[in-house]
Amino acid sequence: MRTGDLLGSGTISGEGDKELGSLLEMSKGGNREVLLRGMEVRKWLLDGDTVTLTGVAGEEGARVGFGECSGKVESAIVY
C-alpha cells in the first residue's frame, strides 16, 4: 500500500431509489430499464461504454473526495 491507493469493499447504497450505488441495483438485477443522460435506457453495460465514478463525503465546507475515476468497457477476448 502506498499514499493515494484507493480501496473499495463493494457498493454502499442508501435506502432510496436515488441513493443506489450500482447499475445492477438500479435495474433490479436487469429487470428494469434505467434512464441515462440523453434519453438512452439500459439494463446492463455494453462494450464501449465509459463509466465514470466520483465520490464525496461530509458536509458543506468539510467535504472530502477522490475526484474522478473512469474506465471503458472492452469486449471480452475470444480465443
Protein backbone atom coordinates (compact mmCIF):
# COMPACT_ATOMS: atom_id res chain seq x y z
CA MET A 1 0.00 0.00 0.00
CA ARG A 2 1.14 3.49 -0.85
CA THR A 3 -0.20 7.01 -0.42
CA GLY A 4 -3.04 7.58 -2.87
CA ASP A 5 -4.09 3.93 -3.19
CA LEU A 6 -7.86 3.57 -3.44
CA LEU A 7 -9.57 0.67 -1.68
CA GLY A 8 -13.13 -0.49 -2.12
CA SER A 9 -15.22 -3.08 -0.34
CA GLY A 10 -18.24 -3.01 -2.62
CA THR A 11 -21.26 -0.82 -3.14
CA ILE A 12 -22.61 1.23 -0.28
CA SER A 13 -26.13 2.34 -1.09
CA GLY A 14 -28.73 4.40 0.69
CA GLU A 15 -32.33 3.46 1.27
CA GLY A 16 -33.99 5.44 -1.54
CA ASP A 17 -34.01 4.87 -5.32
CA LYS A 18 -31.82 7.96 -5.82
CA GLU A 19 -29.24 6.55 -3.39
CA LEU A 20 -28.49 3.26 -5.16
CA GLY A 21 -24.80 2.68 -5.84
CA SER A 22 -24.70 0.42 -8.89
CA LEU A 23 -26.43 -0.17 -12.20
CA LEU A 24 -27.20 -3.71 -11.04
CA GLU A 25 -29.16 -2.34 -8.08
CA MET A 26 -30.81 0.41 -10.15
CA SER A 27 -32.00 -2.11 -12.77
CA LYS A 28 -33.17 -4.53 -10.08
CA GLY A 29 -30.86 -7.24 -11.41
CA GLY A 30 -31.55 -6.40 -15.06
CA ASN A 31 -35.33 -6.48 -14.68
CA ARG A 32 -35.94 -2.72 -15.00
CA GLU A 33 -34.65 -0.20 -17.55
CA VAL A 34 -32.63 2.74 -16.22
CA LEU A 35 -32.84 6.13 -17.94
CA LEU A 36 -29.38 7.52 -18.68
CA ARG A 37 -28.39 11.01 -19.79
CA GLY A 38 -29.52 11.70 -23.34
CA MET A 39 -32.77 9.69 -23.04
CA GLU A 40 -31.00 6.34 -23.52
CA VAL A 41 -32.15 3.39 -21.42
CA ARG A 42 -30.11 0.41 -20.28
CA LYS A 43 -30.30 -2.66 -18.09
CA TRP A 44 -26.63 -3.61 -18.48
CA LEU A 45 -23.35 -2.02 -19.51
CA LEU A 46 -22.36 -2.54 -23.14
CA ASP A 47 -18.98 -2.89 -24.86
CA GLY A 48 -17.60 0.58 -25.50
CA ASP A 49 -19.39 2.21 -22.55
CA THR A 50 -17.32 4.54 -20.39
CA VAL A 51 -18.08 4.52 -16.67
CA THR A 52 -17.02 7.47 -14.51
CA LEU A 53 -17.14 7.29 -10.72
CA THR A 54 -16.86 10.20 -8.31
CA GLY A 55 -17.13 10.16 -4.56
CA VAL A 56 -17.52 12.74 -1.82
CA ALA A 57 -18.49 12.61 1.82
CA GLY A 58 -19.10 15.15 4.55
CA GLU A 59 -20.95 18.39 4.95
CA GLU A 60 -20.61 21.68 3.09
CA GLY A 61 -17.24 23.21 3.93
CA ALA A 62 -15.81 19.93 5.22
CA ARG A 63 -16.07 17.54 2.27
CA VAL A 64 -13.50 15.03 1.14
CA GLY A 65 -13.47 13.06 -2.08
CA PHE A 66 -11.35 11.11 -4.54
CA GLY A 67 -12.11 13.02 -7.77
CA GLU A 68 -12.96 11.17 -10.98
CA CYS A 69 -12.08 7.60 -11.87
CA SER A 70 -13.03 6.50 -15.43
CA GLY A 71 -12.79 3.25 -17.33
CA LYS A 72 -14.01 1.94 -20.68
CA VAL A 73 -15.82 -1.40 -21.02
CA GLU A 74 -13.94 -3.51 -23.55
CA SER A 75 -15.20 -6.66 -25.26
CA ALA A 76 -14.08 -10.00 -23.92
CA ILE A 77 -11.16 -11.69 -25.63
CA VAL A 78 -12.40 -14.58 -27.77
CA TYR A 79 -9.93 -17.39 -28.50
